[in-house]
Protein backbone atom coordinates (compact mmCIF):
# COMPACT_ATOMS: atom_id res chain seq x y z
CA MET A 1 92.58 103.38 133.95
CA LEU A 2 95.10 104.39 136.56
CA HIS A 3 97.65 106.59 134.98
CA ARG A 4 101.20 106.13 136.21
CA HIS A 5 101.98 109.75 136.29
CA LEU A 6 98.62 111.47 136.91
CA THR A 7 96.72 111.95 140.05
CA HIS A 8 93.24 112.33 138.44
CA GLN A 9 91.15 110.28 136.13
CA GLN A 10 89.84 113.04 133.86
CA PHE A 11 90.25 113.02 130.02
CA THR A 12 93.11 115.61 129.86
CA LEU A 13 95.60 115.51 126.89
CA ALA A 14 98.05 113.53 129.02
CA ALA A 15 95.43 110.99 130.12
CA ILE A 16 94.17 110.53 126.58
CA ASP A 17 97.75 110.03 125.39
CA ASP A 18 98.37 107.48 128.13
CA ILE A 19 95.10 105.73 127.37
CA ILE A 20 96.05 105.46 123.60
CA ALA A 21 99.63 104.45 124.29
CA ARG A 22 99.04 101.85 127.07
CA GLY A 23 95.39 101.35 127.45
CA LYS A 24 93.68 97.97 127.14
CA ARG A 25 90.35 97.29 125.55
CA ARG A 26 88.30 98.38 128.64
CA ASP A 27 90.21 101.76 128.63
CA TRP A 28 89.41 102.27 125.05
CA ILE A 29 85.83 101.53 125.66
CA GLU A 30 85.70 104.20 128.31
CA LEU A 31 87.52 106.73 126.12
CA ARG A 32 84.94 106.00 123.26
CA GLN A 33 82.05 106.47 125.77
CA ALA A 34 83.54 109.77 126.77
CA THR A 35 83.65 110.87 123.05
CA LEU A 36 79.88 110.05 122.80
CA GLN A 37 79.16 112.20 125.71
CA ASP A 38 81.44 115.16 125.00
CA ARG A 39 82.60 116.24 121.66
CA ALA A 40 85.47 118.10 123.13
CA VAL A 41 87.18 114.71 123.84
CA LEU A 42 87.28 114.05 120.17
CA GLU A 43 89.19 117.33 119.58
CA LYS A 44 91.52 116.47 122.40
CA ILE A 45 92.11 113.03 120.71
CA LEU A 46 93.02 114.76 117.40
CA HIS A 47 95.39 117.04 119.15
CA VAL A 48 97.19 114.08 120.89
CA CYS A 49 97.25 112.02 117.78
CA ARG A 50 98.67 114.76 115.58
CA ALA A 51 101.96 114.61 117.56
CA HIS A 52 102.46 111.02 116.78
CA ILE A 53 101.05 110.74 113.30
CA ALA A 54 104.40 111.01 111.55
CA ASP A 55 105.35 107.76 112.84
CA PRO A 56 103.80 105.02 110.55
CA TYR A 57 104.10 102.42 113.23
CA ALA A 58 102.21 104.38 115.74
CA GLN A 59 99.02 102.35 114.74
CA ARG A 60 97.03 103.10 117.80
CA TYR A 61 97.41 106.97 117.18
CA HIS A 62 96.42 106.48 113.55
CA PHE A 63 93.35 104.51 114.59
CA TRP A 64 92.20 107.12 117.04
CA LYS A 65 92.92 110.03 114.63
CA TYR A 66 90.66 108.44 111.95
CA TYR A 67 88.01 107.74 114.52
CA ALA A 68 87.92 111.26 115.81
CA GLU A 69 87.97 112.74 112.36
CA HIS A 70 85.17 110.52 111.19
CA HIS A 71 83.03 111.43 114.18
CA LEU A 72 83.74 115.20 114.05
CA GLY A 73 82.26 115.29 110.65
């Protein structure tokens, strides 16, 4: 995914936030694959999602929070 405000394609906190907020299915597949290769990505996802979890309508963040929690154990 090309990030509108980032000059790299790494899974930083800002990139993960952008993928969750604006990403399409293909982008989510890439993020999921990254979680399978690097457990630290799951921890970053949790960090990003915690900032949005108070909003009950932020369904994308709720989805990814539960996904990360489930796979972290």
